[in-house]
Amino acid sequence: QVQLAESGGGLVQAGGSLRLSCTASGPTSDRDAMGWFRQAPGKEREWVSCIRGSGLRTYYAASVEGRFTISRDGAKNTLYLLMNSLKLEDTGMYYCAARATFYCSTSDSEYEYWGQGTQVTVSS
């Protein structure tokens, strides 16, 4: 079956950086869009970023645009999220997800495959 596994989370001071990775196994396609979501305690899961199957177009939530960079390596079946200038409000569980189509979406209901998440905690 398709499996996604995140890594790279941890504790970081505000203003610091982390790079998250998501490795895919099973019958996945490098032509499918992939995205990142996050969920803070007591809040709903929110969309963070998405990259098209081509890897040539990316999208970001307003709260992270200019600070985060999404990328992918199709040959390695790996998705990345580079997070710079981290803020306290970036704290949460980060999930990678994959669609079964080429184009991006901001809706979690339109992503078919999900990882288990990796915790990111930003301290003051």
PDB file of N, CA and C in Angstrom:
ATOM      1  N   GLN A   1       0.826  -1.188   0.000  1.00  0.00           N
ATOM      2  CA  GLN A   1       0.000   0.000   0.000  1.00  0.00           C
ATOM      3  C   GLN A   1       0.868   1.248   0.000  1.00  0.00           C
ATOM      4  N   VAL A   2       0.264   2.387  -0.347  1.00  0.00           N
ATOM      5  CA  VAL A   2       0.979   3.652  -0.359  1.00  0.00           C
ATOM      6  C   VAL A   2       1.232   4.094   1.071  1.00  0.00           C
ATOM      7  N   GLN A   3       2.463   4.498   1.344  1.00  0.00           N
ATOM      8  CA  GLN A   3       2.822   4.998   2.659  1.00  0.00           C
ATOM      9  C   GLN A   3       3.657   6.257   2.527  1.00  0.00           C
ATOM     10  N   LEU A   4       3.385   7.229   3.395  1.00  0.00           N
ATOM     11  CA  LEU A   4       4.158   8.457   3.486  1.00  0.00           C
ATOM     12  C   LEU A   4       4.710   8.571   4.893  1.00  0.00           C
ATOM     13  N   ALA A   5       5.957   8.980   5.010  1.00  0.00           N
ATOM     14  CA  ALA A   5       6.594   9.077   6.316  1.00  0.00           C
ATOM     15  C   ALA A   5       7.367  10.380   6.428  1.00  0.00           C
ATOM     16  N   GLU A   6       6.981  11.216   7.394  1.00  0.00           N
ATOM     17  CA  GLU A   6       7.642  12.491   7.618  1.00  0.00           C
ATOM     18  C   GLU A   6       8.808  12.336   8.587  1.00  0.00           C
ATOM     19  N   SER A   7       9.774  13.234   8.446  1.00  0.00           N
ATOM     20  CA  SER A   7      10.883  13.301   9.378  1.00  0.00           C
ATOM     21  C   SER A   7      11.435  14.722   9.378  1.00  0.00           C
ATOM     22  N   GLY A   8      12.262  15.034  10.356  1.00  0.00           N
ATOM     23  CA  GLY A   8      12.931  16.323  10.401  1.00  0.00           C
ATOM     24  C   GLY A   8      12.377  17.298  11.411  1.00  0.00           C
ATOM     25  N   GLY A   9      11.279  16.957  12.064  1.00  0.00           N
ATOM     26  CA  GLY A   9      10.728  17.843  13.067  1.00  0.00           C
ATOM     27  C   GLY A   9      11.601  17.886  14.311  1.00  0.00           C
ATOM     28  N   GLY A  10      11.291  18.830  15.182  1.00  0.00           N
ATOM     29  CA  GLY A  10      12.048  18.961  16.403  1.00  0.00           C
ATOM     30  C   GLY A  10      11.770  20.276  17.087  1.00  0.00           C
ATOM     31  N   LEU A  11      12.613  20.593  18.051  1.00  0.00           N
ATOM     32  CA  LEU A  11      12.516  21.827  18.814  1.00  0.00           C
ATOM     33  C   LEU A  11      13.499  22.844  18.254  1.00  0.00           C
ATOM     34  N   VAL A  12      13.012  24.036  17.985  1.00  0.00           N
ATOM     35  CA  VAL A  12      13.855  25.080  17.417  1.00  0.00           C
ATOM     36  C   VAL A  12      13.448  26.428  18.005  1.00  0.00           C
ATOM     37  N   GLN A  13      14.403  27.316  18.149  1.00  0.00           N
ATOM     38  CA  GLN A  13      14.110  28.653  18.646  1.00  0.00           C
ATOM     39  C   GLN A  13      13.491  29.516  17.560  1.00  0.00           C
ATOM     40  N   ALA A  14      12.671  30.453  17.976  1.00  0.00           N
ATOM     41  CA  ALA A  14      12.097  31.403  17.035  1.00  0.00           C
ATOM     42  C   ALA A  14      13.201  32.072  16.224  1.00  0.00           C
ATOM     43  N   GLY A  15      12.954  32.189  14.926  1.00  0.00           N
ATOM     44  CA  GLY A  15      13.949  32.738  14.023  1.00  0.00           C
ATOM     45  C   GLY A  15      14.832  31.690  13.378  1.00  0.00           C
ATOM     46  N   GLY A  16      14.767  30.466  13.876  1.00  0.00           N
ATOM     47  CA  GLY A  16      15.577  29.389  13.343  1.00  0.00           C
ATOM     48  C   GLY A  16      14.937  28.704  12.156  1.00  0.00           C
ATOM     49  N   SER A  17      15.565  27.617  11.722  1.00  0.00           N
ATOM     50  CA  SER A  17      15.125  26.901  10.529  1.00  0.00           C
ATOM     51  C   SER A  17      15.068  25.405  10.766  1.00  0.00           C
ATOM     52  N   LEU A  18      14.204  24.742  10.025  1.00  0.00           N
ATOM     53  CA  LEU A  18      14.112  23.294   9.978  1.00  0.00           C
ATOM     54  C   LEU A  18      13.775  22.883   8.563  1.00  0.00           C
ATOM     55  N   ARG A  19      14.214  21.694   8.178  1.00  0.00           N
ATOM     56  CA  ARG A  19      13.798  21.116   6.918  1.00  0.00           C
ATOM     57  C   ARG A  19      13.103  19.791   7.173  1.00  0.00           C
ATOM     58  N   LEU A  20      11.853  19.717   6.765  1.00  0.00           N
ATOM     59  CA  LEU A  20      11.077  18.504   6.885  1.00  0.00           C
ATOM     60  C   LEU A  20      11.188  17.690   5.606  1.00  0.00           C
ATOM     61  N   SER A  21      11.169  16.378   5.750  1.00  0.00           N
ATOM     62  CA  SER A  21      11.195  15.477   4.612  1.00  0.00           C
ATOM     63  C   SER A  21      10.018  14.522   4.697  1.00  0.00           C
ATOM     64  N   CYS A  22       9.574  14.064   3.555  1.00  0.00           N
ATOM     65  CA  CYS A  22       8.504  13.083   3.475  1.00  0.00           C
ATOM     66  C   CYS A  22       8.869  12.093   2.393  1.00  0.00           C
ATOM     67  N   THR A  23       9.071  10.855   2.779  1.00  0.00           N
ATOM     68  CA  THR A  23       9.413   9.813   1.820  1.00  0.00           C
ATOM     69  C   THR A  23       8.195   8.958   1.530  1.00  0.00           C
ATOM     70  N   ALA A  24       8.038   8.626   0.269  1.00  0.00           N
ATOM     71  CA  ALA A  24       6.894   7.851  -0.177  1.00  0.00           C
ATOM     72  C   ALA A  24       7.323   6.466  -0.620  1.00  0.00           C
ATOM     73  N   SER A  25       6.487   5.499  -0.334  1.00  0.00           N
ATOM     74  CA  SER A  25       6.714   4.143  -0.795  1.00  0.00           C
ATOM     75  C   SER A  25       5.413   3.567  -1.320  1.00  0.00           C
ATOM     76  N   GLY A  26       5.518   2.510  -2.086  1.00  0.00           N
ATOM     77  CA  GLY A  26       4.343   1.927  -2.689  1.00  0.00           C
ATOM     78  C   GLY A  26       4.045   2.547  -4.043  1.00  0.00           C
ATOM     79  N   PRO A  27       2.841   2.310  -4.555  1.00  0.00           N
ATOM     80  CA  PRO A  27       2.485   2.746  -5.916  1.00  0.00           C
ATOM     81  C   PRO A  27       2.133   4.235  -6.014  1.00  0.00           C
ATOM     82  N   THR A  28       3.083   5.089  -5.679  1.00  0.00           N
ATOM     83  CA  THR A  28       2.905   6.531  -5.813  1.00  0.00           C
ATOM     84  C   THR A  28       3.423   6.992  -7.162  1.00  0.00           C
ATOM     85  N   SER A  29       3.008   8.188  -7.537  1.00  0.00           N
ATOM     86  CA  SER A  29       3.416   8.768  -8.816  1.00  0.00           C
ATOM     87  C   SER A  29       4.057  10.121  -8.595  1.00  0.00           C
ATOM     88  N   ASP A  30       5.165  10.378  -9.275  1.00  0.00           N
ATOM     89  CA  ASP A  30       5.786  11.695  -9.211  1.00  0.00           C
ATOM     90  C   ASP A  30       5.044  12.720 -10.045  1.00  0.00           C
ATOM     91  N   ARG A  31       3.941  12.320 -10.663  1.00  0.00           N
ATOM     92  CA  ARG A  31       3.075  13.241 -11.391  1.00  0.00           C
ATOM     93  C   ARG A  31       1.917  13.745 -10.528  1.00  0.00           C
ATOM     94  N   ASP A  32       1.807  13.266  -9.316  1.00  0.00           N
ATOM     95  CA  ASP A  32       0.742  13.696  -8.417  1.00  0.00           C
ATOM     96  C   ASP A  32       1.192  14.875  -7.570  1.00  0.00           C
ATOM     97  N   ALA A  33       0.269  15.799  -7.347  1.00  0.00           N
ATOM     98  CA  ALA A  33       0.558  16.919  -6.471  1.00  0.00           C
ATOM     99  C   ALA A  33       0.745  16.446  -5.031  1.00  0.00           C
ATOM    100  N   MET A  34       1.598  17.146  -4.304  1.00  0.00           N
ATOM    101  CA  MET A  34       1.822  16.834  -2.900  1.00  0.00           C
ATOM    102  C   MET A  34       1.783  18.119  -2.089  1.00  0.00           C
ATOM    103  N   GLY A  35       1.393  17.978  -0.834  1.00  0.00           N
ATOM    104  CA  GLY A  35       1.264  19.153   0.001  1.00  0.00           C
ATOM    105  C   GLY A  35       1.670  18.902   1.435  1.00  0.00           C
ATOM    106  N   TRP A  36       1.749  20.002   2.163  1.00  0.00           N
ATOM    107  CA  TRP A  36       1.997  19.977   3.595  1.00  0.00           C
ATOM    108  C   TRP A  36       0.830  20.628   4.319  1.00  0.00           C
ATOM    109  N   PHE A  37       0.432  20.019   5.424  1.00  0.00           N
ATOM    110  CA  PHE A  37      -0.575  20.560   6.330  1.00  0.00           C
ATOM    111  C   PHE A  37       0.002  20.580   7.731  1.00  0.00           C
ATOM    112  N   ARG A  38      -0.606  21.367   8.597  1.00  0.00           N
ATOM    113  CA  ARG A  38      -0.185  21.379   9.992  1.00  0.00           C
ATOM    114  C   ARG A  38      -1.390  21.554  10.897  1.00  0.00           C
ATOM    115  N   GLN A  39      -1.228  21.129  12.135  1.00  0.00           N
ATOM    116  CA  GLN A  39      -2.307  21.235  13.101  1.00  0.00           C
ATOM    117  C   GLN A  39      -1.730  21.599  14.461  1.00  0.00           C
ATOM    118  N   ALA A  40      -2.166  22.732  14.978  1.00  0.00           N
ATOM    119  CA  ALA A  40      -1.773  23.169  16.305  1.00  0.00           C
ATOM    120  C   ALA A  40      -2.785  22.655  17.326  1.00  0.00           C
ATOM    121  N   PRO A  41      -2.385  22.526  18.590  1.00  0.00           N
ATOM    122  CA  PRO A  41      -3.317  22.049  19.615  1.00  0.00           C
ATOM    123  C   PRO A  41      -4.588  22.881  19.677  1.00  0.00           C
ATOM    124  N   GLY A  42      -5.733  22.212  19.666  1.00  0.00           N
ATOM    125  CA  GLY A  42      -7.005  22.892  19.753  1.00  0.00           C
ATOM    126  C   GLY A  42      -7.488  23.545  18.476  1.00  0.00           C
ATOM    127  N   LYS A  43      -6.751  23.380  17.389  1.00  0.00           N
ATOM    128  CA  LYS A  43      -7.130  23.996  16.130  1.00  0.00           C
ATOM    129  C   LYS A  43      -7.352  22.950  15.051  1.00  0.00           C
ATOM    130  N   GLU A  44      -8.048  23.357  13.998  1.00  0.00           N
ATOM    131  CA  GLU A  44      -8.258  22.487  12.854  1.00  0.00           C
ATOM    132  C   GLU A  44      -6.989  22.395  12.025  1.00  0.00           C
ATOM    133  N   ARG A  45      -6.871  21.314  11.298  1.00  0.00           N
ATOM    134  CA  ARG A  45      -5.737  21.154  10.404  1.00  0.00           C
ATOM    135  C   ARG A  45      -5.815  22.205   9.295  1.00  0.00           C
ATOM    136  N   GLU A  46      -4.700  22.836   9.000  1.00  0.00           N
ATOM    137  CA  GLU A  46      -4.672  23.877   7.992  1.00  0.00           C
ATOM    138  C   GLU A  46      -3.663  23.559   6.895  1.00  0.00           C
ATOM    139  N   TRP A  47      -3.995  23.992   5.710  1.00  0.00           N
ATOM    140  CA  TRP A  47      -3.120  23.819   4.576  1.00  0.00           C
ATOM    141  C   TRP A  47      -1.942  24.777   4.667  1.00  0.00           C
ATOM    142  N   VAL A  48      -0.761  24.302   4.327  1.00  0.00           N
ATOM    143  CA  VAL A  48       0.456  25.098   4.393  1.00  0.00           C
ATOM    144  C   VAL A  48       1.023  25.370   3.005  1.00  0.00           C
ATOM    145  N   SER A  49       1.162  24.320   2.193  1.00  0.00           N
ATOM    146  CA  SER A  49       1.820  24.473   0.901  1.00  0.00           C
ATOM    147  C   SER A  49       1.496  23.292   0.008  1.00  0.00           C
ATOM    148  N   CYS A  50       1.676  23.487  -1.290  1.00  0.00           N
ATOM    149  CA  CYS A  50       1.454  22.425  -2.258  1.00  0.00           C
ATOM    150  C   CYS A  50       2.384  22.623  -3.443  1.00  0.00           C
ATOM    151  N   ILE A  51       2.765  21.511  -4.052  1.00  0.00           N
ATOM    152  CA  ILE A  51       3.597  21.539  -5.240  1.00  0.00           C
ATOM    153  C   ILE A  51       2.966  20.632  -6.291  1.00  0.00           C
ATOM    154  N   ARG A  52       2.884  21.118  -7.527  1.00  0.00           N
ATOM    155  CA  ARG A  52       2.307  20.332  -8.599  1.00  0.00           C
ATOM    156  C   ARG A  52       3.148  19.101  -8.908  1.00  0.00           C
ATOM    157  N   GLY A  53       2.531  18.170  -9.619  1.00  0.00           N
ATOM    158  CA  GLY A  53       3.233  16.961 -10.007  1.00  0.00           C
ATOM    159  C   GLY A  53       4.493  17.231 -10.807  1.00  0.00           C
ATOM    160  N   SER A  54       4.496  18.313 -11.573  1.00  0.00           N
ATOM    161  CA  SER A  54       5.668  18.690 -12.355  1.00  0.00           C
ATOM    162  C   SER A  54       6.796  19.236 -11.494  1.00  0.00           C
ATOM    163  N   GLY A  55       6.453  19.734 -10.302  1.00  0.00           N
ATOM    164  CA  GLY A  55       7.422  20.399  -9.453  1.00  0.00           C
ATOM    165  C   GLY A  55       7.720  21.823  -9.872  1.00  0.00           C
ATOM    166  N   LEU A  56       7.031  22.320 -10.897  1.00  0.00           N
ATOM    167  CA  LEU A  56       7.339  23.628 -11.466  1.00  0.00           C
ATOM    168  C   LEU A  56       6.478  24.763 -10.925  1.00  0.00           C
ATOM    169  N   ARG A  57       5.415  24.442 -10.203  1.00  0.00           N
ATOM    170  CA  ARG A  57       4.584  25.479  -9.621  1.00  0.00           C
ATOM    171  C   ARG A  57       4.276  25.136  -8.169  1.00  0.00           C
ATOM    172  N   THR A  58       4.420  26.135  -7.326  1.00  0.00           N
ATOM    173  CA  THR A  58       4.206  25.953  -5.898  1.00  0.00           C
ATOM    174  C   THR A  58       3.233  26.986  -5.359  1.00  0.00           C
ATOM    175  N   TYR A  59       2.608  26.650  -4.235  1.00  0.00           N
ATOM    176  CA  TYR A  59       1.613  27.511  -3.608  1.00  0.00           C
ATOM    177  C   TYR A  59       1.834  27.501  -2.102  1.00  0.00           C
ATOM    178  N   TYR A  60       1.559  28.649  -1.466  1.00  0.00           N
ATOM    179  CA  TYR A  60       1.790  28.781  -0.041  1.00  0.00           C
ATOM    180  C   TYR A  60       0.648  29.511   0.636  1.00  0.00           C
ATOM    181  N   ALA A  61       0.354  29.109   1.861  1.00  0.00           N
ATOM    182  CA  ALA A  61      -0.559  29.873   2.688  1.00  0.00           C
ATOM    183  C   ALA A  61       0.075  31.223   3.002  1.00  0.00           C
ATOM    184  N   ALA A  62      -0.760  32.245   3.143  1.00  0.00           N
ATOM    185  CA  ALA A  62      -0.250  33.588   3.394  1.00  0.00           C
ATOM    186  C   ALA A  62       0.616  33.650   4.647  1.00  0.00           C
ATOM    187  N   SER A  63       0.315  32.823   5.628  1.00  0.00           N
ATOM    188  CA  SER A  63       1.037  32.846   6.887  1.00  0.00           C
ATOM    189  C   SER A  63       2.477  32.360   6.774  1.00  0.00           C
ATOM    190  N   VAL A  64       2.803  31.635   5.702  1.00  0.00           N
ATOM    191  CA  VAL A  64       4.149  31.085   5.558  1.00  0.00           C
ATOM    192  C   VAL A  64       4.866  31.562   4.310  1.00  0.00           C
ATOM    193  N   GLU A  65       4.166  32.203   3.398  1.00  0.00           N
ATOM    194  CA  GLU A  65       4.776  32.646   2.151  1.00  0.00           C
ATOM    195  C   GLU A  65       5.949  33.580   2.426  1.00  0.00           C
ATOM    196  N   GLY A  66       7.040  33.327   1.738  1.00  0.00           N
ATOM    197  CA  GLY A  66       8.255  34.101   1.935  1.00  0.00           C
ATOM    198  C   GLY A  66       9.188  33.509   2.959  1.00  0.00           C
ATOM    199  N   ARG A  67       8.677  32.571   3.769  1.00  0.00           N
ATOM    200  CA  ARG A  67       9.500  31.930   4.795  1.00  0.00           C
ATOM    201  C   ARG A  67       9.723  30.440   4.531  1.00  0.00           C
ATOM    202  N   PHE A  68       8.720  29.774   3.961  1.00  0.00           N
ATOM    203  CA  PHE A  68       8.793  28.340   3.705  1.00  0.00           C
ATOM    204  C   PHE A  68       9.002  28.083   2.223  1.00  0.00           C
ATOM    205  N   THR A  69       9.670  26.983   1.907  1.00  0.00           N
ATOM    206  CA  THR A  69       9.879  26.573   0.524  1.00  0.00           C
ATOM    207  C   THR A  69       9.582  25.089   0.380  1.00  0.00           C
ATOM    208  N   ILE A  70       8.668  24.755  -0.514  1.00  0.00           N
ATOM    209  CA  ILE A  70       8.337  23.364  -0.782  1.00  0.00           C
ATOM    210  C   ILE A  70       9.092  22.913  -2.031  1.00  0.00           C
ATOM    211  N   SER A  71       9.545  21.675  -2.031  1.00  0.00           N
ATOM    212  CA  SER A  71      10.240  21.127  -3.183  1.00  0.00           C
ATOM    213  C   SER A  71      10.053  19.625  -3.199  1.00  0.00           C
ATOM    214  N   ARG A  72      10.423  19.005  -4.308  1.00  0.00           N
ATOM    215  CA  ARG A  72      10.289  17.560  -4.404  1.00  0.00           C
ATOM    216  C   ARG A  72      11.389  16.987  -5.271  1.00  0.00           C
ATOM    217  N   ASP A  73      11.696  15.741  -5.017  1.00  0.00           N
ATOM    218  CA  ASP A  73      12.652  14.994  -5.807  1.00  0.00           C
ATOM    219  C   ASP A  73      11.930  13.736  -6.254  1.00  0.00           C
ATOM    220  N   GLY A  74      11.448  13.739  -7.493  1.00  0.00           N
ATOM    221  CA  GLY A  74      10.673  12.620  -7.988  1.00  0.00           C
ATOM    222  C   GLY A  74      11.448  11.322  -8.018  1.00  0.00           C
ATOM    223  N   ALA A  75      12.725  11.398  -8.354  1.00  0.00           N
ATOM    224  CA  ALA A  75      13.541  10.198  -8.429  1.00  0.00           C
ATOM    225  C   ALA A  75      13.676   9.521  -7.074  1.00  0.00           C
ATOM    226  N   LYS A  76      13.632  10.302  -6.011  1.00  0.00           N
ATOM    227  CA  LYS A  76      13.759   9.772  -4.656  1.00  0.00           C
ATOM    228  C   LYS A  76      12.416   9.599  -3.958  1.00  0.00           C
ATOM    229  N   ASN A  77      11.332   9.960  -4.643  1.00  0.00           N
ATOM    230  CA  ASN A  77       9.994   9.924  -4.045  1.00  0.00           C
ATOM    231  C   ASN A  77       9.965  10.668  -2.712  1.00  0.00           C
ATOM    232  N   THR A  78      10.549  11.849  -2.709  1.00  0.00           N
ATOM    233  CA  THR A  78      10.692  12.610  -1.481  1.00  0.00           C
ATOM    234  C   THR A  78      10.176  14.035  -1.651  1.00  0.00           C
ATOM    235  N   LEU A  79       9.442  14.489  -0.667  1.00  0.00           N
ATOM    236  CA  LEU A  79       8.924  15.847  -0.585  1.00  0.00           C
ATOM    237  C   LEU A  79       9.632  16.561   0.555  1.00  0.00           C
ATOM    238  N   TYR A  80       9.916  17.854   0.369  1.00  0.00           N
ATOM    239  CA  TYR A  80      10.616  18.631   1.382  1.00  0.00           C
ATOM    240  C   TYR A  80       9.835  19.895   1.723  1.00  0.00           C
ATOM    241  N   LEU A  81      10.040  20.375   2.928  1.00  0.00           N
ATOM    242  CA  LEU A  81       9.559  21.683   3.328  1.00  0.00           C
ATOM    243  C   LEU A  81      10.661  22.360   4.136  1.00  0.00           C
ATOM    244  N   LEU A  82      11.274  23.368   3.542  1.00  0.00           N
ATOM    245  CA  LEU A  82      12.285  24.152   4.231  1.00  0.00           C
ATOM    246  C   LEU A  82      11.592  25.306   4.926  1.00  0.00           C
ATOM    247  N   MET A  83      11.744  25.391   6.226  1.00  0.00           N
ATOM    248  CA  MET A  83      11.078  26.400   7.034  1.00  0.00           C
ATOM    249  C   MET A  83      12.124  27.329   7.625  1.00  0.00           C
ATOM    250  N   ASN A  84      12.089  28.575   7.209  1.00  0.00           N
ATOM    251  CA  ASN A  84      12.990  29.600   7.718  1.00  0.00           C
ATOM    252  C   ASN A  84      12.221  30.613   8.560  1.00  0.00           C
ATOM    253  N   SER A  85      12.951  31.367   9.350  1.00  0.00           N
ATOM    254  CA  SER A  85      12.369  32.433  10.169  1.00  0.00           C
ATOM    255  C   SER A  85      11.158  31.941  10.948  1.00  0.00           C
ATOM    256  N   LEU A  86      11.321  30.825  11.618  1.00  0.00           N
ATOM    257  CA  LEU A  86      10.201  30.205  12.318  1.00  0.00           C
ATOM    258  C   LEU A  86       9.665  31.084  13.438  1.00  0.00           C
ATOM    259  N   LYS A  87       8.350  31.046  13.588  1.00  0.00           N
ATOM    260  CA  LYS A  87       7.640  31.806  14.603  1.00  0.00           C
ATOM    261  C   LYS A  87       6.950  30.857  15.578  1.00  0.00           C
ATOM    262  N   LEU A  88       6.588  31.368  16.736  1.00  0.00           N
ATOM    263  CA  LEU A  88       5.901  30.559  17.731  1.00  0.00           C
ATOM    264  C   LEU A  88       4.634  29.937  17.151  1.00  0.00           C
ATOM    265  N   GLU A  89       3.919  30.677  16.328  1.00  0.00           N
ATOM    266  CA  GLU A  89       2.670  30.182  15.766  1.00  0.00           C
ATOM    267  C   GLU A  89       2.849  29.106  14.705  1.00  0.00           C
ATOM    268  N   ASP A  90       4.100  28.805  14.338  1.00  0.00           N
ATOM    269  CA  ASP A  90       4.371  27.701  13.430  1.00  0.00           C
ATOM    270  C   ASP A  90       4.368  26.354  14.147  1.00  0.00           C
ATOM    271  N   THR A  91       4.298  26.368  15.453  1.00  0.00           N
ATOM    272  CA  THR A  91       4.289  25.135  16.236  1.00  0.00           C
ATOM    273  C   THR A  91       3.089  24.264  15.870  1.00  0.00           C
ATOM    274  N   GLY A  92       3.327  22.974  15.705  1.00  0.00           N
ATOM    275  CA  GLY A  92       2.248  22.056  15.410  1.00  0.00           C
ATOM    276  C   GLY A  92       2.757  20.747  14.851  1.00  0.00           C
ATOM    277  N   MET A  93       1.827  19.861  14.594  1.00  0.00           N
ATOM    278  CA  MET A  93       2.141  18.606  13.937  1.00  0.00           C
ATOM    279  C   MET A  93       2.045  18.833  12.431  1.00  0.00           C
ATOM    280  N   TYR A  94       3.101  18.497  11.725  1.00  0.00           N
ATOM    281  CA  TYR A  94       3.155  18.703  10.284  1.00  0.00           C
ATOM    282  C   TYR A  94       2.966  17.385   9.557  1.00  0.00           C
ATOM    283  N   TYR A  95       2.067  17.399   8.582  1.00  0.00           N
ATOM    284  CA  TYR A  95       1.733  16.214   7.806  1.00  0.00           C
ATOM    285  C   TYR A  95       2.026  16.443   6.330  1.00  0.00           C
ATOM    286  N   CYS A  96       2.575  15.449   5.680  1.00  0.00           N
ATOM    287  CA  CYS A  96       2.648  15.487   4.230  1.00  0.00           C
ATOM    288  C   CYS A  96       1.489  14.685   3.669  1.00  0.00           C
ATOM    289  N   ALA A  97       1.071  15.048   2.479  1.00  0.00           N
ATOM    290  CA  ALA A  97      -0.065  14.395   1.851  1.00  0.00           C
ATOM    291  C   ALA A  97       0.103  14.406   0.341  1.00  0.00           C
ATOM    292  N   ALA A  98      -0.521  13.452  -0.308  1.00  0.00           N
ATOM    293  CA  ALA A  98      -0.450  13.339  -1.757  1.00  0.00           C
ATOM    294  C   ALA A  98      -1.842  13.251  -2.358  1.00  0.00           C
ATOM    295  N   ARG A  99      -2.023  13.942  -3.457  1.00  0.00           N
ATOM    296  CA  ARG A  99      -3.246  13.828  -4.232  1.00  0.00           C
ATOM    297  C   ARG A  99      -3.104  12.702  -5.248  1.00  0.00           C
ATOM    298  N   ALA A 100      -4.202  12.358  -5.863  1.00  0.00           N
ATOM    299  CA  ALA A 100      -4.206  11.393  -6.951  1.00  0.00           C
ATOM    300  C   ALA A 100      -4.392  12.099  -8.287  1.00  0.00           C
ATOM    301  N   THR A 101      -3.948  13.360  -8.347  1.00  0.00           N
ATOM    302  CA  THR A 101      -4.045  14.129  -9.576  1.00  0.00           C
ATOM    303  C   THR A 101      -2.900  15.124  -9.638  1.00  0.00           C
ATOM    304  N   PHE A 102      -2.704  15.754 -10.767  1.00  0.00           N
ATOM    305  CA  PHE A 102      -1.548  16.601 -11.041  1.00  0.00           C
ATOM    306  C   PHE A 102      -1.606  17.944 -10.328  1.00  0.00           C
ATOM    307  N   TYR A 103      -2.819  18.505 -10.171  1.00  0.00           N
ATOM    308  CA  TYR A 103      -2.971  19.877  -9.715  1.00  0.00           C
ATOM    309  C   TYR A 103      -3.115  19.994  -8.207  1.00  0.00           C
ATOM    310  N   CYS A 104      -2.740  21.166  -7.691  1.00  0.00           N
ATOM    311  CA  CYS A 104      -2.779  21.416  -6.262  1.00  0.00           C
ATOM    312  C   CYS A 104      -4.180  21.737  -5.764  1.00  0.00           C
ATOM    313  N   SER A 105      -4.361  21.552  -4.458  1.00  0.00           N
ATOM    314  CA  SER A 105      -5.585  21.904  -3.769  1.00  0.00           C
ATOM    315  C   SER A 105      -5.233  22.365  -2.369  1.00  0.00           C
ATOM    316  N   THR A 106      -6.053  23.262  -1.812  1.00  0.00           N
ATOM    317  CA  THR A 106      -5.879  23.707  -0.438  1.00  0.00           C
ATOM    318  C   THR A 106      -6.753  22.927   0.532  1.00  0.00           C
ATOM    319  N   SER A 107      -7.540  22.001   0.031  1.00  0.00           N
ATOM    320  CA  SER A 107      -8.493  21.251   0.841  1.00  0.00           C
ATOM    321  C   SER A 107      -7.931  19.890   1.225  1.00  0.00           C
ATOM    322  N   ASP A 108      -7.911  19.605   2.528  1.00  0.00           N
ATOM    323  CA  ASP A 108      -7.382  18.321   2.966  1.00  0.00           C
ATOM    324  C   ASP A 108      -8.229  17.149   2.498  1.00  0.00           C
ATOM    325  N   SER A 109      -9.512  17.401   2.207  1.00  0.00           N
ATOM    326  CA  SER A 109     -10.389  16.334   1.749  1.00  0.00           C
ATOM    327  C   SER A 109     -10.032  15.852   0.348  1.00  0.00           C
ATOM    328  N   GLU A 110      -9.228  16.611  -0.371  1.00  0.00           N
ATOM    329  CA  GLU A 110      -8.854  16.249  -1.729  1.00  0.00           C
ATOM    330  C   GLU A 110      -7.484  15.592  -1.812  1.00  0.00           C
ATOM    331  N   TYR A 111      -6.917  15.253  -0.674  1.00  0.00           N
ATOM    332  CA  TYR A 111      -5.666  14.508  -0.619  1.00  0.00           C
ATOM    333  C   TYR A 111      -5.957  13.092  -0.162  1.00  0.00           C
ATOM    334  N   GLU A 112      -5.440  12.147  -0.881  1.00  0.00           N
ATOM    335  CA  GLU A 112      -5.788  10.753  -0.644  1.00  0.00           C
ATOM    336  C   GLU A 112      -4.862  10.056   0.346  1.00  0.00           C
ATOM    337  N   TYR A 113      -3.576  10.398   0.319  1.00  0.00           N
ATOM    338  CA  TYR A 113      -2.593   9.700   1.130  1.00  0.00           C
ATOM    339  C   TYR A 113      -1.970  10.644   2.143  1.00  0.00           C
ATOM    340  N   TRP A 114      -1.763  10.137   3.357  1.00  0.00           N
ATOM    341  CA  TRP A 114      -1.264  10.954   4.460  1.00  0.00           C
ATOM    342  C   TRP A 114      -0.183  10.246   5.244  1.00  0.00           C
ATOM    343  N   GLY A 115       0.781  11.030   5.723  1.00  0.00           N
ATOM    344  CA  GLY A 115       1.751  10.514   6.650  1.00  0.00           C
ATOM    345  C   GLY A 115       1.252  10.607   8.075  1.00  0.00           C
ATOM    346  N   GLN A 116       2.056  10.131   9.007  1.00  0.00           N
ATOM    347  CA  GLN A 116       1.684  10.125  10.418  1.00  0.00           C
ATOM    348  C   GLN A 116       1.996  11.434  11.127  1.00  0.00           C
ATOM    349  N   GLY A 117       2.805  12.277  10.516  1.00  0.00           N
ATOM    350  CA  GLY A 117       3.112  13.579  11.072  1.00  0.00           C
ATOM    351  C   GLY A 117       4.449  13.625  11.786  1.00  0.00           C
ATOM    352  N   THR A 118       5.017  14.817  11.834  1.00  0.00           N
ATOM    353  CA  THR A 118       6.232  15.077  12.595  1.00  0.00           C
ATOM    354  C   THR A 118       6.043  16.381  13.363  1.00  0.00           C
ATOM    355  N   GLN A 119       6.421  16.377  14.624  1.00  0.00           N
ATOM    356  CA  GLN A 119       6.160  17.509  15.499  1.00  0.00           C
ATOM    357  C   GLN A 119       7.208  18.599  15.323  1.00  0.00           C
ATOM    358  N   VAL A 120       6.732  19.831  15.177  1.00  0.00           N
ATOM    359  CA  VAL A 120       7.595  21.007  15.135  1.00  0.00           C
ATOM    360  C   VAL A 120       7.208  21.906  16.300  1.00  0.00           C
ATOM    361  N   THR A 121       8.167  22.209  17.146  1.00  0.00           N
ATOM    362  CA  THR A 121       7.924  23.079  18.287  1.00  0.00           C
ATOM    363  C   THR A 121       8.886  24.252  18.234  1.00  0.00           C
ATOM    364  N   VAL A 122       8.337  25.447  18.201  1.00  0.00           N
ATOM    365  CA  VAL A 122       9.134  26.667  18.145  1.00  0.00           C
ATOM    366  C   VAL A 122       9.068  27.344  19.505  1.00  0.00           C
ATOM    367  N   SER A 123      10.211  27.611  20.087  1.00  0.00           N
ATOM    368  CA  SER A 123      10.282  28.199  21.413  1.00  0.00           C
ATOM    369  C   SER A 123      10.757  29.646  21.328  1.00  0.00           C
ATOM    370  N   SER A 124      10.421  30.416  22.348  1.00  0.00           N
ATOM    371  CA  SER A 124      10.833  31.812  22.409  1.00  0.00           C
ATOM    372  C   SER A 124      12.244  31.936  22.949  1.00  0.00           C
TER     373      SER A 124
END
